[in-house]
PDB file of N, CA and C in Angstrom:
ATOM      1  N   MET A   1      75.068 121.083  88.459  1.00  0.00           N
ATOM      2  CA  MET A   1      75.557 120.740  89.782  1.00  0.00           C
ATOM      3  C   MET A   1      74.792 121.604  90.784  1.00  0.00           C
ATOM      4  N   PRO A   2      74.239 120.986  91.817  1.00  0.00           N
ATOM      5  CA  PRO A   2      73.479 121.751  92.808  1.00  0.00           C
ATOM      6  C   PRO A   2      74.345 122.802  93.500  1.00  0.00           C
ATOM      7  N   LEU A   3      73.692 123.842  93.952  1.00  0.00           N
ATOM      8  CA  LEU A   3      74.388 124.953  94.597  1.00  0.00           C
ATOM      9  C   LEU A   3      75.195 124.493  95.800  1.00  0.00           C
ATOM     10  N   TRP A   4      74.631 123.618  96.611  1.00  0.00           N
ATOM     11  CA  TRP A   4      75.345 123.177  97.816  1.00  0.00           C
ATOM     12  C   TRP A   4      76.633 122.447  97.467  1.00  0.00           C
ATOM     13  N   GLN A   5      76.651 121.700  96.350  1.00  0.00           N
ATOM     14  CA  GLN A   5      77.879 121.028  95.927  1.00  0.00           C
ATOM     15  C   GLN A   5      78.911 122.040  95.435  1.00  0.00           C
ATOM     16  N   ARG A   6      78.445 123.048  94.708  1.00  0.00           N
ATOM     17  CA  ARG A   6      79.372 124.082  94.232  1.00  0.00           C
ATOM     18  C   ARG A   6      79.997 124.828  95.400  1.00  0.00           C
ATOM     19  N   VAL A   7      79.203 125.155  96.410  1.00  0.00           N
ATOM     20  CA  VAL A   7      79.728 125.848  97.588  1.00  0.00           C
ATOM     21  C   VAL A   7      80.763 124.972  98.285  1.00  0.00           C
ATOM     22  N   GLY A   8      80.476 123.684  98.406  1.00  0.00           N
ATOM     23  CA  GLY A   8      81.431 122.760  99.018  1.00  0.00           C
ATOM     24  C   GLY A   8      82.738 122.710  98.255  1.00  0.00           C
ATOM     25  N   LYS A   9      82.653 122.709  96.914  1.00  0.00           N
ATOM     26  CA  LYS A   9      83.865 122.674  96.094  1.00  0.00           C
ATOM     27  C   LYS A   9      84.655 123.975  96.222  1.00  0.00           C
ATOM     28  N   ILE A  10      83.952 125.089  96.325  1.00  0.00           N
ATOM     29  CA  ILE A  10      84.633 126.376  96.510  1.00  0.00           C
ATOM     30  C   ILE A  10      85.406 126.357  97.826  1.00  0.00           C
ATOM     31  N   ILE A  11      84.763 125.887  98.879  1.00  0.00           N
ATOM     32  CA  ILE A  11      85.407 125.840 100.192  1.00  0.00           C
ATOM     33  C   ILE A  11      86.624 124.928 100.159  1.00  0.00           C
ATOM     34  N   GLN A  12      86.518 123.801  99.449  1.00  0.00           N
ATOM     35  CA  GLN A  12      87.620 122.844  99.374  1.00  0.00           C
ATOM     36  C   GLN A  12      88.686 123.251  98.366  1.00  0.00           C
ATOM     37  N   GLY A  13      88.417 124.276  97.574  1.00  0.00           N
ATOM     38  CA  GLY A  13      89.388 124.733  96.588  1.00  0.00           C
ATOM     39  C   GLY A  13      89.397 123.911  95.318  1.00  0.00           C
ATOM     40  N   GLU A  14      88.336 123.149  95.066  1.00  0.00           N
ATOM     41  CA  GLU A  14      88.267 122.327  93.866  1.00  0.00           C
ATOM     42  C   GLU A  14      87.717 123.138  92.696  1.00  0.00           C
ATOM     43  N   PRO A  15      88.002 122.690  91.469  1.00  0.00           N
ATOM     44  CA  PRO A  15      87.489 123.408  90.299  1.00  0.00           C
ATOM     45  C   PRO A  15      85.965 123.365  90.254  1.00  0.00           C
ATOM     46  N   GLN A  16      85.373 124.387  89.666  1.00  0.00           N
ATOM     47  CA  GLN A  16      83.925 124.534  89.633  1.00  0.00           C
ATOM     48  C   GLN A  16      83.320 123.942  88.362  1.00  0.00           C
ATOM     49  N   VAL A  17      83.555 122.667  88.127  1.00  0.00           N
ATOM     50  CA  VAL A  17      83.006 121.979  86.959  1.00  0.00           C
ATOM     51  C   VAL A  17      82.424 120.654  87.413  1.00  0.00           C
ATOM     52  N   ALA A  18      81.506 120.104  86.603  1.00  0.00           N
ATOM     53  CA  ALA A  18      80.876 118.834  86.958  1.00  0.00           C
ATOM     54  C   ALA A  18      81.878 117.689  86.900  1.00  0.00           C
ATOM     55  N   ASP A  19      82.749 117.693  85.890  1.00  0.00           N
ATOM     56  CA  ASP A  19      83.749 116.632  85.741  1.00  0.00           C
ATOM     57  C   ASP A  19      85.129 117.268  85.820  1.00  0.00           C
ATOM     58  N   ALA A  20      85.804 117.059  86.924  1.00  0.00           N
ATOM     59  CA  ALA A  20      87.106 117.687  87.154  1.00  0.00           C
ATOM     60  C   ALA A  20      88.267 116.821  86.680  1.00  0.00           C
ATOM     61  N   SER A  21      87.997 115.747  85.941  1.00  0.00           N
ATOM     62  CA  SER A  21      89.070 114.822  85.554  1.00  0.00           C
ATOM     63  C   SER A  21      90.130 115.499  84.685  1.00  0.00           C
ATOM     64  N   ALA A  22      89.744 116.379  83.774  1.00  0.00           N
ATOM     65  CA  ALA A  22      90.731 117.065  82.933  1.00  0.00           C
ATOM     66  C   ALA A  22      91.645 117.940  83.794  1.00  0.00           C
ATOM     67  N   PHE A  23      91.062 118.618  84.768  1.00  0.00           N
ATOM     68  CA  PHE A  23      91.849 119.450  85.676  1.00  0.00           C
ATOM     69  C   PHE A  23      92.876 118.605  86.417  1.00  0.00           C
ATOM     70  N   TYR A  24      92.430 117.474  86.975  1.00  0.00           N
ATOM     71  CA  TYR A  24      93.338 116.632  87.755  1.00  0.00           C
ATOM     72  C   TYR A  24      94.366 115.930  86.879  1.00  0.00           C
ATOM     73  N   ASN A  25      94.009 115.580  85.648  1.00  0.00           N
ATOM     74  CA  ASN A  25      94.991 114.996  84.727  1.00  0.00           C
ATOM     75  C   ASN A  25      96.096 115.996  84.414  1.00  0.00           C
ATOM     76  N   GLN A  26      95.716 117.242  84.159  1.00  0.00           N
ATOM     77  CA  GLN A  26      96.705 118.282  83.883  1.00  0.00           C
ATOM     78  C   GLN A  26      97.564 118.549  85.122  1.00  0.00           C
ATOM     79  N   LEU A  27      96.950 118.534  86.282  1.00  0.00           N
ATOM     80  CA  LEU A  27      97.689 118.729  87.523  1.00  0.00           C
ATOM     81  C   LEU A  27      98.710 117.610  87.719  1.00  0.00           C
ATOM     82  N   GLN A  28      98.311 116.368  87.424  1.00  0.00           N
ATOM     83  CA  GLN A  28      99.226 115.232  87.537  1.00  0.00           C
ATOM     84  C   GLN A  28     100.387 115.375  86.552  1.00  0.00           C
ATOM     85  N   GLU A  29     100.111 115.802  85.325  1.00  0.00           N
ATOM     86  CA  GLU A  29     101.172 116.007  84.330  1.00  0.00           C
ATOM     87  C   GLU A  29     102.167 117.064  84.802  1.00  0.00           C
ATOM     88  N   ARG A  30     101.655 118.169  85.339  1.00  0.00           N
ATOM     89  CA  ARG A  30     102.539 119.226  85.840  1.00  0.00           C
ATOM     90  C   ARG A  30     103.390 118.727  86.995  1.00  0.00           C
ATOM     91  N   LEU A  31     102.789 117.947  87.873  1.00  0.00           N
ATOM     92  CA  LEU A  31     103.542 117.388  88.994  1.00  0.00           C
ATOM     93  C   LEU A  31     104.648 116.469  88.491  1.00  0.00           C
ATOM     94  N   ASN A  32     104.335 115.624  87.524  1.00  0.00           N
ATOM     95  CA  ASN A  32     105.336 114.712  86.963  1.00  0.00           C
ATOM     96  C   ASN A  32     106.478 115.474  86.289  1.00  0.00           C
ATOM     97  N   GLN A  33     106.177 116.587  85.632  1.00  0.00           N
ATOM     98  CA  GLN A  33     107.203 117.380  84.958  1.00  0.00           C
ATOM     99  C   GLN A  33     108.077 118.130  85.966  1.00  0.00           C
ATOM    100  N   ASN A  34     107.446 118.690  86.995  1.00  0.00           N
ATOM    101  CA  ASN A  34     108.170 119.536  87.943  1.00  0.00           C
ATOM    102  C   ASN A  34     108.860 118.764  89.062  1.00  0.00           C
ATOM    103  N   GLN A  35     108.360 117.582  89.369  1.00  0.00           N
ATOM    104  CA  GLN A  35     108.949 116.786  90.446  1.00  0.00           C
ATOM    105  C   GLN A  35     109.036 115.322  90.007  1.00  0.00           C
ATOM    106  N   PRO A  36     109.916 115.032  89.062  1.00  0.00           N
ATOM    107  CA  PRO A  36     110.011 113.649  88.578  1.00  0.00           C
ATOM    108  C   PRO A  36     110.510 112.716  89.683  1.00  0.00           C
ATOM    109  N   LEU A  37     110.033 111.482  89.617  1.00  0.00           N
ATOM    110  CA  LEU A  37     110.457 110.478  90.593  1.00  0.00           C
ATOM    111  C   LEU A  37     111.751 109.826  90.155  1.00  0.00           C
ATOM    112  N   ALA A  38     112.566 109.478  91.116  1.00  0.00           N
ATOM    113  CA  ALA A  38     113.786 108.726  90.821  1.00  0.00           C
ATOM    114  C   ALA A  38     113.394 107.328  90.346  1.00  0.00           C
ATOM    115  N   ALA A  39     114.285 106.688  89.618  1.00  0.00           N
ATOM    116  CA  ALA A  39     113.988 105.366  89.062  1.00  0.00           C
ATOM    117  C   ALA A  39     113.682 104.346  90.150  1.00  0.00           C
ATOM    118  N   ASP A  40     114.273 104.501  91.315  1.00  0.00           N
ATOM    119  CA  ASP A  40     114.067 103.529  92.390  1.00  0.00           C
ATOM    120  C   ASP A  40     113.038 103.991  93.431  1.00  0.00           C
ATOM    121  N   ALA A  41     112.248 105.004  93.113  1.00  0.00           N
ATOM    122  CA  ALA A  41     111.305 105.562  94.082  1.00  0.00           C
ATOM    123  C   ALA A  41     110.259 104.540  94.524  1.00  0.00           C
ATOM    124  N   LEU A  42     109.715 103.778  93.590  1.00  0.00           N
ATOM    125  CA  LEU A  42     108.695 102.800  93.965  1.00  0.00           C
ATOM    126  C   LEU A  42     109.288 101.667  94.791  1.00  0.00           C
ATOM    127  N   ALA A  43     110.496 101.257  94.464  1.00  0.00           N
ATOM    128  CA  ALA A  43     111.153 100.202  95.244  1.00  0.00           C
ATOM    129  C   ALA A  43     111.398 100.678  96.675  1.00  0.00           C
ATOM    130  N   LYS A  44     111.826 101.932  96.829  1.00  0.00           N
ATOM    131  CA  LYS A  44     112.047 102.488  98.169  1.00  0.00           C
ATOM    132  C   LYS A  44     110.734 102.577  98.943  1.00  0.00           C
ATOM    133  N   LEU A  45     109.668 102.999  98.262  1.00  0.00           N
ATOM    134  CA  LEU A  45     108.366 103.085  98.912  1.00  0.00           C
ATOM    135  C   LEU A  45     107.914 101.703  99.370  1.00  0.00           C
ATOM    136  N   GLY A  46     108.102 100.705  98.523  1.00  0.00           N
ATOM    137  CA  GLY A  46     107.741  99.340  98.898  1.00  0.00           C
ATOM    138  C   GLY A  46     108.521  98.855 100.107  1.00  0.00           C
ATOM    139  N   ALA A  47     109.812  99.167 100.146  1.00  0.00           N
ATOM    140  CA  ALA A  47     110.646  98.764 101.281  1.00  0.00           C
ATOM    141  C   ALA A  47     110.190  99.458 102.566  1.00  0.00           C
ATOM    142  N   GLN A  48     109.837 100.740 102.466  1.00  0.00           N
ATOM    143  CA  GLN A  48     109.357 101.474 103.643  1.00  0.00           C
ATOM    144  C   GLN A  48     108.042 100.889 104.147  1.00  0.00           C
ATOM    145  N   ARG A  49     107.159 100.541 103.223  1.00  0.00           N
ATOM    146  CA  ARG A  49     105.880  99.937 103.615  1.00  0.00           C
ATOM    147  C   ARG A  49     106.105  98.577 104.264  1.00  0.00           C
ATOM    148  N   THR A  50     107.024  97.812 103.704  1.00  0.00           N
ATOM    149  CA  THR A  50     107.339  96.502 104.277  1.00  0.00           C
ATOM    150  C   THR A  50     107.826  96.650 105.706  1.00  0.00           C
ATOM    151  N   GLU A  51     108.749  97.580 105.930  1.00  0.00           N
ATOM    152  CA  GLU A  51     109.275  97.815 107.277  1.00  0.00           C
ATOM    153  C   GLU A  51     108.164  98.247 108.233  1.00  0.00           C
ATOM    154  N   ALA A  52     107.264  99.100 107.758  1.00  0.00           N
ATOM    155  CA  ALA A  52     106.171  99.579 108.605  1.00  0.00           C
ATOM    156  C   ALA A  52     105.221  98.438 108.971  1.00  0.00           C
ATOM    157  N   ILE A  53     104.921  97.576 108.022  1.00  0.00           N
ATOM    158  CA  ILE A  53     104.024  96.446 108.289  1.00  0.00           C
ATOM    159  C   ILE A  53     104.668  95.480 109.275  1.00  0.00           C
ATOM    160  N   LEU A  54     105.936  95.155 109.062  1.00  0.00           N
ATOM    161  CA  LEU A  54     106.630  94.252 109.981  1.00  0.00           C
ATOM    162  C   LEU A  54     106.712  94.852 111.384  1.00  0.00           C
ATOM    163  N   ALA A  55     106.961  96.152 111.471  1.00  0.00           N
ATOM    164  CA  ALA A  55     107.014  96.819 112.778  1.00  0.00           C
ATOM    165  C   ALA A  55     105.647  96.777 113.462  1.00  0.00           C
ATOM    166  N   ALA A  56     104.572  96.986 112.696  1.00  0.00           N
ATOM    167  CA  ALA A  56     103.223  96.945 113.269  1.00  0.00           C
ATOM    168  C   ALA A  56     102.887  95.539 113.760  1.00  0.00           C
ATOM    169  N   LEU A  57     103.284  94.525 113.002  1.00  0.00           N
ATOM    170  CA  LEU A  57     103.048  93.148 113.433  1.00  0.00           C
ATOM    171  C   LEU A  57     103.808  92.847 114.722  1.00  0.00           C
ATOM    172  N   LYS A  58     105.058  93.292 114.781  1.00  0.00           N
ATOM    173  CA  LYS A  58     105.877  93.068 115.977  1.00  0.00           C
ATOM    174  C   LYS A  58     105.255  93.778 117.177  1.00  0.00           C
ATOM    175  N   GLU A  59     104.814  95.023 116.965  1.00  0.00           N
ATOM    176  CA  GLU A  59     104.192  95.798 118.036  1.00  0.00           C
ATOM    177  C   GLU A  59     102.896  95.141 118.513  1.00  0.00           C
ATOM    178  N   ALA A  60     102.198  94.458 117.605  1.00  0.00           N
ATOM    179  CA  ALA A  60     100.947  93.789 117.959  1.00  0.00           C
ATOM    180  C   ALA A  60     101.185  92.459 118.671  1.00  0.00           C
ATOM    181  N   GLY A  61     102.453  92.072 118.805  1.00  0.00           N
ATOM    182  CA  GLY A  61     102.759  90.865 119.547  1.00  0.00           C
ATOM    183  C   GLY A  61     103.130  89.659 118.712  1.00  0.00           C
ATOM    184  N   VAL A  62     103.239  89.827 117.409  1.00  0.00           N
ATOM    185  CA  VAL A  62     103.634  88.716 116.548  1.00  0.00           C
ATOM    186  C   VAL A  62     105.124  88.458 116.742  1.00  0.00           C
ATOM    187  N   ASP A  63     105.476  87.196 116.896  1.00  0.00           N
ATOM    188  CA  ASP A  63     106.877  86.806 117.053  1.00  0.00           C
ATOM    189  C   ASP A  63     107.643  87.218 115.796  1.00  0.00           C
ATOM    190  N   PRO A  64     108.710  88.023 115.932  1.00  0.00           N
ATOM    191  CA  PRO A  64     109.460  88.479 114.751  1.00  0.00           C
ATOM    192  C   PRO A  64     109.991  87.334 113.889  1.00  0.00           C
ATOM    193  N   ALA A  65     110.221  86.174 114.492  1.00  0.00           N
ATOM    194  CA  ALA A  65     110.698  85.027 113.716  1.00  0.00           C
ATOM    195  C   ALA A  65     109.610  84.480 112.796  1.00  0.00           C
ATOM    196  N   ARG A  66     108.354  84.834 113.082  1.00  0.00           N
ATOM    197  CA  ARG A  66     107.239  84.327 112.273  1.00  0.00           C
ATOM    198  C   ARG A  66     106.785  85.321 111.210  1.00  0.00           C
ATOM    199  N   ALA A  67     107.324  86.512 111.217  1.00  0.00           N
ATOM    200  CA  ALA A  67     106.943  87.534 110.234  1.00  0.00           C
ATOM    201  C   ALA A  67     108.167  87.915 109.418  1.00  0.00           C
ATOM    202  N   ALA A  68     108.084  87.710 108.132  1.00  0.00           N
ATOM    203  CA  ALA A  68     109.210  88.039 107.253  1.00  0.00           C
ATOM    204  C   ALA A  68     108.668  88.534 105.921  1.00  0.00           C
ATOM    205  N   ALA A  69     109.470  89.285 105.239  1.00  0.00           N
ATOM    206  CA  ALA A  69     109.085  89.814 103.928  1.00  0.00           C
ATOM    207  C   ALA A  69     109.926  89.143 102.853  1.00  0.00           C
ATOM    208  N   ALA A  70     109.282  88.808 101.767  1.00  0.00           N
ATOM    209  CA  ALA A  70     109.991  88.239 100.622  1.00  0.00           C
ATOM    210  C   ALA A  70     110.446  89.372  99.714  1.00  0.00           C
ATOM    211  N   ALA A  71     111.316  89.050  98.799  1.00  0.00           N
ATOM    212  CA  ALA A  71     111.784  90.050  97.829  1.00  0.00           C
ATOM    213  C   ALA A  71     110.617  90.459  96.926  1.00  0.00           C
ATOM    214  N   PRO A  72     110.565  91.722  96.530  1.00  0.00           N
ATOM    215  CA  PRO A  72     109.475  92.164  95.646  1.00  0.00           C
ATOM    216  C   PRO A  72     109.586  91.521  94.267  1.00  0.00           C
ATOM    217  N   GLU A  73     108.430  91.342  93.644  1.00  0.00           N
ATOM    218  CA  GLU A  73     108.380  90.798  92.290  1.00  0.00           C
ATOM    219  C   GLU A  73     108.016  91.909  91.320  1.00  0.00           C
ATOM    220  N   LYS A  74     108.596  91.883  90.147  1.00  0.00           N
ATOM    221  CA  LYS A  74     108.298  92.884  89.125  1.00  0.00           C
ATOM    222  C   LYS A  74     106.923  92.586  88.521  1.00  0.00           C
ATOM    223  N   VAL A  75     106.107  93.621  88.380  1.00  0.00           N
ATOM    224  CA  VAL A  75     104.796  93.489  87.745  1.00  0.00           C
ATOM    225  C   VAL A  75     104.710  94.494  86.608  1.00  0.00           C
ATOM    226  N   GLU A  76     103.890  94.200  85.638  1.00  0.00           N
ATOM    227  CA  GLU A  76     103.703  95.083  84.487  1.00  0.00           C
ATOM    228  C   GLU A  76     102.355  95.788  84.602  1.00  0.00           C
ATOM    229  N   SER A  77     102.324  97.050  84.221  1.00  0.00           N
ATOM    230  CA  SER A  77     101.084  97.812  84.224  1.00  0.00           C
ATOM    231  C   SER A  77     101.201  98.939  83.210  1.00  0.00           C
ATOM    232  N   ASP A  78     100.126  99.207  82.505  1.00  0.00           N
ATOM    233  CA  ASP A  78     100.100 100.306  81.547  1.00  0.00           C
ATOM    234  C   ASP A  78      99.969 101.633  82.289  1.00  0.00           C
ATOM    235  N   VAL A  79     100.498 102.685  81.696  1.00  0.00           N
ATOM    236  CA  VAL A  79     100.411 104.013  82.289  1.00  0.00           C
ATOM    237  C   VAL A  79      98.942 104.387  82.458  1.00  0.00           C
ATOM    238  N   GLY A  80      98.612 104.879  83.616  1.00  0.00           N
ATOM    239  CA  GLY A  80      97.244 105.302  83.886  1.00  0.00           C
ATOM    240  C   GLY A  80      96.323 104.177  84.314  1.00  0.00           C
ATOM    241  N   LYS A  81      96.834 102.969  84.385  1.00  0.00           N
ATOM    242  CA  LYS A  81      96.032 101.810  84.785  1.00  0.00           C
ATOM    243  C   LYS A  81      96.447 101.381  86.191  1.00  0.00           C
ATOM    244  N   PRO A  82      95.567 100.681  86.898  1.00  0.00           N
ATOM    245  CA  PRO A  82      95.932 100.202  88.237  1.00  0.00           C
ATOM    246  C   PRO A  82      97.128  99.254  88.186  1.00  0.00           C
ATOM    247  N   VAL A  83      97.926  99.289  89.223  1.00  0.00           N
ATOM    248  CA  VAL A  83      99.083  98.401  89.335  1.00  0.00           C
ATOM    249  C   VAL A  83      98.659  97.200  90.178  1.00  0.00           C
ATOM    250  N   PRO A  84      98.824  95.988  89.651  1.00  0.00           N
ATOM    251  CA  PRO A  84      98.420  94.816  90.432  1.00  0.00           C
ATOM    252  C   PRO A  84      99.293  94.659  91.674  1.00  0.00           C
ATOM    253  N   LEU A  85      98.707  94.138  92.715  1.00  0.00           N
ATOM    254  CA  LEU A  85      99.408  93.945  93.975  1.00  0.00           C
ATOM    255  C   LEU A  85      99.260  92.493  94.382  1.00  0.00           C
ATOM    256  N   LYS A  86     100.353  91.883  94.743  1.00  0.00           N
ATOM    257  CA  LYS A  86     100.315  90.502  95.207  1.00  0.00           C
ATOM    258  C   LYS A  86     100.817  90.480  96.642  1.00  0.00           C
ATOM    259  N   LEU A  87      99.975  89.984  97.532  1.00  0.00           N
ATOM    260  CA  LEU A  87     100.335  89.871  98.936  1.00  0.00           C
ATOM    261  C   LEU A  87     100.192  88.415  99.325  1.00  0.00           C
ATOM    262  N   GLY A  88     101.262  87.841  99.801  1.00  0.00           N
ATOM    263  CA  GLY A  88     101.216  86.439 100.192  1.00  0.00           C
ATOM    264  C   GLY A  88     101.393  86.286 101.690  1.00  0.00           C
ATOM    265  N   LEU A  89     100.598  85.427 102.278  1.00  0.00           N
ATOM    266  CA  LEU A  89     100.699  85.126 103.698  1.00  0.00           C
ATOM    267  C   LEU A  89     100.903  83.631 103.858  1.00  0.00           C
ATOM    268  N   VAL A  90     101.799  83.261 104.736  1.00  0.00           N
ATOM    269  CA  VAL A  90     102.067  81.856 105.006  1.00  0.00           C
ATOM    270  C   VAL A  90     102.014  81.648 106.509  1.00  0.00           C
ATOM    271  N   ALA A  91     101.279  80.663 106.941  1.00  0.00           N
ATOM    272  CA  ALA A  91     101.223  80.341 108.369  1.00  0.00           C
ATOM    273  C   ALA A  91     102.349  79.375 108.706  1.00  0.00           C
ATOM    274  N   LYS A  92     103.036  79.649 109.789  1.00  0.00           N
ATOM    275  CA  LYS A  92     104.125  78.763 110.228  1.00  0.00           C
ATOM    276  C   LYS A  92     103.702  78.035 111.480  1.00  0.00           C
TER     277      LYS A  92
END
């Protein structure tokens, strides 16, 4: 790793290795152990995001009667893999 990259990592507080994935995986495990999420945490996050998007649309001038959110759908994903996202838009 070039010296300038190492200096940048030191300043940012990152580990001084070429591949920091093991460090970040261990950090994620510690976070999960020390601060576990409630069972409904993702559902609450989704609801908060929905409210924020609807508020932004309303603020941008979209008629509130034309912007609505549907109920979330359950999706399956393996641990450590990306979670699929489905976003549907309908013109009225």
